[in-house]
Amino acid sequence: MKTTIDIPEPLYRRAKVRAAQQGTTLKQLLLDALEQSLAPSPNSPRSEGAAFDVNEIGFPVFRRRGKGIVTNELVNQLREQEGI
């Protein structure tokens, strides 16, 4: 996927120099940095307050908050309670 971002000129120059020093392309340097930035950190515990996790292919997986299963009957009961 292609995208366009604005990079401040001094940062761009530093990145170009770093890529040259490592013998890689600017594109690969940025991809590696993005992968590293998005990788789970072993030092930071999973956020218990988060409503969802992200699975291995990037989709949100919502956490289950209770033990009950949502059924049509439960939904209808809640609708009746709310008057809808």
Protein backbone atom coordinates (compact mmCIF):
# COMPACT_ATOMS: atom_id res chain seq x y z
CA MET A 1 0.00 0.00 0.00
CA LYS A 2 1.29 3.44 -0.82
CA THR A 3 0.87 6.51 1.36
CA THR A 4 2.25 10.00 1.59
CA ILE A 5 3.64 11.54 4.76
CA ASP A 6 5.32 14.84 5.52
CA ILE A 7 8.73 14.41 7.13
CA PRO A 8 10.60 17.46 8.42
CA GLU A 9 13.68 18.10 6.27
CA PRO A 10 16.26 17.59 9.08
CA LEU A 11 14.68 14.25 10.03
CA TYR A 12 14.56 13.18 6.39
CA ARG A 13 18.27 13.95 5.96
CA ARG A 14 19.17 12.03 9.13
CA ALA A 15 17.13 9.05 7.95
CA LYS A 16 18.79 9.10 4.51
CA VAL A 17 22.23 9.15 6.14
CA ARG A 18 21.31 6.31 8.51
CA ALA A 19 19.98 4.20 5.62
CA ALA A 20 23.21 4.77 3.68
CA GLN A 21 25.30 3.86 6.74
CA GLN A 22 23.35 0.61 7.11
CA GLY A 23 23.52 -0.16 3.40
CA THR A 24 19.75 -0.16 3.00
CA THR A 25 17.08 1.98 1.41
CA LEU A 26 15.15 4.73 3.11
CA LYS A 27 11.99 2.71 2.49
CA GLN A 28 13.40 -0.35 4.28
CA LEU A 29 14.73 1.77 7.14
CA LEU A 30 11.27 3.28 7.66
CA LEU A 31 9.53 -0.10 7.40
CA ASP A 32 11.91 -1.60 9.98
CA ALA A 33 11.37 1.36 12.33
CA LEU A 34 7.60 1.10 11.98
CA GLU A 35 7.65 -2.67 12.64
CA GLN A 36 9.80 -2.13 15.72
CA SER A 37 7.55 0.65 16.96
CA LEU A 38 4.39 -1.45 16.60
CA ALA A 39 5.82 -4.67 18.04
CA PRO A 40 4.51 -5.63 21.49
CA SER A 41 6.93 -4.61 24.19
CA PRO A 42 7.89 -7.46 26.54
CA ASN A 43 8.40 -4.92 29.34
CA SER A 44 4.95 -3.39 29.18
CA PRO A 45 2.06 -5.47 30.50
CA ARG A 46 -1.10 -5.79 28.46
CA SER A 47 -3.40 -2.89 29.15
CA GLU A 48 -6.15 -4.31 31.34
CA GLY A 49 -8.42 -1.34 30.66
CA ALA A 50 -8.41 -1.81 26.89
CA ALA A 51 -11.66 -3.03 25.37
CA PHE A 52 -9.91 -5.04 22.68
CA ASP A 53 -6.67 -6.64 21.55
CA VAL A 54 -5.32 -6.76 18.02
CA ASN A 55 -4.77 -10.21 16.54
CA GLU A 56 -1.80 -11.32 14.44
CA ILE A 57 -3.30 -9.98 11.20
CA GLY A 58 -4.33 -6.63 12.64
CA PHE A 59 -8.03 -7.12 13.38
CA PRO A 60 -9.51 -5.97 16.69
CA VAL A 61 -10.67 -8.78 18.96
CA PHE A 62 -13.02 -7.51 21.63
CA ARG A 63 -12.49 -8.79 25.15
CA ARG A 64 -15.29 -10.56 26.90
CA ARG A 65 -16.37 -8.59 29.95
CA GLY A 66 -18.81 -10.99 31.54
CA LYS A 67 -19.73 -14.62 31.62
CA GLY A 68 -23.14 -14.26 30.01
CA ILE A 69 -23.87 -15.00 26.40
CA VAL A 70 -25.90 -12.46 24.46
CA THR A 71 -28.99 -14.17 23.09
CA ASN A 72 -32.01 -12.90 21.19
CA GLU A 73 -34.02 -13.35 24.38
CA LEU A 74 -31.64 -11.15 26.35
CA VAL A 75 -31.69 -8.49 23.64
CA ASN A 76 -35.49 -8.50 23.61
CA GLN A 77 -35.59 -8.18 27.41
CA LEU A 78 -33.25 -5.19 27.26
CA ARG A 79 -35.37 -3.62 24.52
CA GLU A 80 -38.46 -3.99 26.67
CA GLN A 81 -36.69 -2.44 29.65
CA GLU A 82 -35.60 0.52 27.52
CA GLY A 83 -39.00 0.86 25.88
CA ILE A 84 -37.80 0.33 22.35
